[in-house]
Amino acid sequence: MSNLTLRNGPDGDSVGDSFWQQVGGRATFEKLVREFYRGVADDDLLRPMYPEEDLEGAIQRLIGFLEQYWGGPTTYSQERGHPRLRMRHLPFHVDAAARDRWLLHMRRAVDALELPPLYEEQLWTYLDRAAQAMVNTP
């Protein structure tokens, strides 16, 4: 299954049902991200990577990014430009331990969604691959 999204123009709405729509739209991605950050909030390894006093900015950025990636609104790029995930994560020390901790919290968040297996597998495969790609320190 692909995450290809056909759109009506470069910043247009998706044509047909996107993955984003199929799994419940914004409510699903907001639940995913808020559950993920509940774990990060008390994590001694990951929390220092988020300089804001409160995590709301990071929450909104991740919701926006994931929504756009999975065929939802393109607000993320309209507000922040190209995602450039590797570049945006370069200032942070992301080693295997940080990756594994990120995946631990994200796994719990994905499980909390209770998605049908096909959707859960597609979402998890992407998140795991993205986490692997962010490692920038041996």
Protein backbone atom coordinates (compact mmCIF):
# COMPACT_ATOMS: atom_id res chain seq x y z
CA MET A 1 0.00 0.00 0.00
CA SER A 2 1.38 3.40 -0.95
CA ASN A 3 1.00 6.76 0.74
CA LEU A 4 0.67 8.51 -2.65
CA THR A 5 -1.90 11.29 -2.47
CA LEU A 6 -3.39 12.80 -5.61
CA ARG A 7 -4.25 16.46 -5.12
CA ASN A 8 -6.20 19.11 -7.01
CA GLY A 9 -3.12 21.24 -7.69
CA PRO A 10 0.13 21.69 -5.73
CA ASP A 11 -1.59 22.73 -2.48
CA GLY A 12 -5.06 21.41 -3.23
CA ASP A 13 -7.35 18.99 -1.50
CA SER A 14 -6.75 15.29 -1.97
CA VAL A 15 -8.67 13.44 -4.66
CA GLY A 16 -10.45 10.44 -3.19
CA ASP A 17 -10.03 9.15 0.33
CA SER A 18 -6.50 9.57 1.64
CA PHE A 19 -5.00 7.50 4.44
CA TRP A 20 -5.59 10.56 6.63
CA GLN A 21 -9.33 10.42 5.91
CA GLN A 22 -9.54 6.64 6.19
CA VAL A 23 -8.10 6.57 9.72
CA GLY A 24 -10.22 9.43 11.07
CA GLY A 25 -8.53 12.66 10.00
CA ARG A 26 -7.24 15.25 12.43
CA ALA A 27 -8.77 13.63 15.51
CA THR A 28 -6.73 10.46 14.97
CA PHE A 29 -3.45 12.27 14.37
CA GLU A 30 -4.04 14.59 17.30
CA LYS A 31 -4.67 11.59 19.56
CA LEU A 32 -1.51 9.89 18.25
CA VAL A 33 0.72 12.91 18.80
CA ARG A 34 -0.70 13.92 22.18
CA GLU A 35 -0.29 10.35 23.44
CA PHE A 36 3.28 10.30 22.11
CA TYR A 37 4.17 13.55 23.87
CA ARG A 38 2.68 12.31 27.15
CA GLY A 39 5.59 9.87 27.15
CA VAL A 40 8.14 12.45 26.01
CA ALA A 41 7.11 14.94 28.72
CA ASP A 42 8.68 12.81 31.46
CA ASP A 43 11.48 11.25 29.45
CA ASP A 44 14.95 12.19 30.72
CA LEU A 45 16.58 11.44 27.36
CA LEU A 46 14.11 13.05 24.94
CA ARG A 47 12.57 15.94 26.88
CA PRO A 48 15.76 18.07 26.79
CA MET A 49 15.53 18.08 22.97
CA TYR A 50 12.38 20.22 23.26
CA PRO A 51 13.45 23.65 24.52
CA GLU A 52 9.93 25.07 24.89
CA GLU A 53 8.53 25.29 28.39
CA ASP A 54 5.44 23.51 27.19
CA LEU A 55 5.27 21.00 24.37
CA GLU A 56 2.28 22.49 22.54
CA GLY A 57 4.38 23.95 19.71
CA ALA A 58 6.06 20.61 19.09
CA ILE A 59 2.70 18.86 19.29
CA GLN A 60 1.17 21.14 16.67
CA ARG A 61 4.17 20.83 14.35
CA LEU A 62 4.13 17.02 14.45
CA ILE A 63 0.36 16.86 13.97
CA GLY A 64 0.66 19.18 10.96
CA PHE A 65 3.55 17.26 9.45
CA LEU A 66 1.86 13.86 9.83
CA GLU A 67 -1.47 15.15 8.55
CA GLN A 68 0.19 16.51 5.43
CA TYR A 69 2.29 13.39 4.87
CA TRP A 70 -0.78 11.15 5.04
CA GLY A 71 -2.94 13.22 2.70
CA GLY A 72 -4.54 15.77 4.99
CA PRO A 73 -4.26 19.56 4.93
CA THR A 74 -1.01 21.07 3.60
CA THR A 75 -0.85 23.63 6.40
CA TYR A 76 2.56 22.41 7.57
CA SER A 77 4.33 23.34 4.33
CA GLN A 78 2.33 26.53 3.94
CA GLU A 79 3.50 27.70 7.37
CA ARG A 80 6.98 26.13 7.63
CA GLY A 81 8.10 25.30 4.10
CA HIS A 82 9.50 21.95 3.03
CA PRO A 83 9.66 19.51 5.97
CA ARG A 84 13.44 18.83 5.63
CA LEU A 85 13.31 16.35 8.48
CA ARG A 86 17.00 15.46 8.53
CA MET A 87 18.05 19.11 8.45
CA ARG A 88 15.61 20.09 11.21
CA HIS A 89 16.93 17.30 13.44
CA LEU A 90 20.65 17.92 12.88
CA PRO A 91 21.05 20.24 15.89
CA PHE A 92 20.00 17.38 18.17
CA HIS A 93 22.08 14.42 19.30
CA VAL A 94 19.99 11.57 17.85
CA ASP A 95 21.71 8.28 18.51
CA ALA A 96 20.36 4.73 18.68
CA ALA A 97 19.23 5.22 22.29
CA ALA A 98 17.25 8.36 21.40
CA ARG A 99 15.75 6.62 18.37
CA ASP A 100 14.73 3.62 20.45
CA ARG A 101 13.16 5.81 23.14
CA TRP A 102 11.27 7.80 20.48
CA LEU A 103 10.01 4.53 19.01
CA LEU A 104 8.97 3.27 22.45
CA HIS A 105 6.72 6.29 23.04
CA MET A 106 5.44 6.25 19.48
CA ARG A 107 4.64 2.53 19.67
CA ARG A 108 2.48 3.17 22.74
CA ALA A 109 0.76 6.03 20.93
CA VAL A 110 0.06 3.94 17.83
CA ASP A 111 -1.31 1.12 19.98
CA ALA A 112 -3.63 3.58 21.72
CA LEU A 113 -5.28 4.34 18.37
CA GLU A 114 -6.51 0.75 18.01
CA LEU A 115 -6.42 1.02 14.23
CA PRO A 116 -7.34 -1.91 11.98
CA PRO A 117 -4.19 -4.01 11.39
CA LEU A 118 -3.61 -2.87 7.80
CA TYR A 119 -3.64 0.81 8.78
CA GLU A 120 -1.63 0.20 11.93
CA GLU A 121 1.08 -1.61 9.96
CA GLN A 122 1.29 1.09 7.30
CA LEU A 123 1.55 3.86 9.90
CA TRP A 124 4.07 1.98 12.04
CA THR A 125 6.28 1.06 9.08
CA TYR A 126 6.56 4.72 8.13
CA LEU A 127 7.24 5.90 11.70
CA ASP A 128 9.91 3.24 12.22
CA ARG A 129 11.61 4.09 8.92
CA ALA A 130 11.49 7.82 9.71
CA ALA A 131 13.00 7.26 13.16
CA GLN A 132 15.84 5.23 11.66
CA ALA A 133 16.56 8.04 9.18
CA MET A 134 16.86 10.69 11.93
CA VAL A 135 19.84 9.03 13.62
CA ASN A 136 22.76 11.43 13.15
CA THR A 137 25.21 10.34 15.85
CA PRO A 138 26.93 6.96 16.06
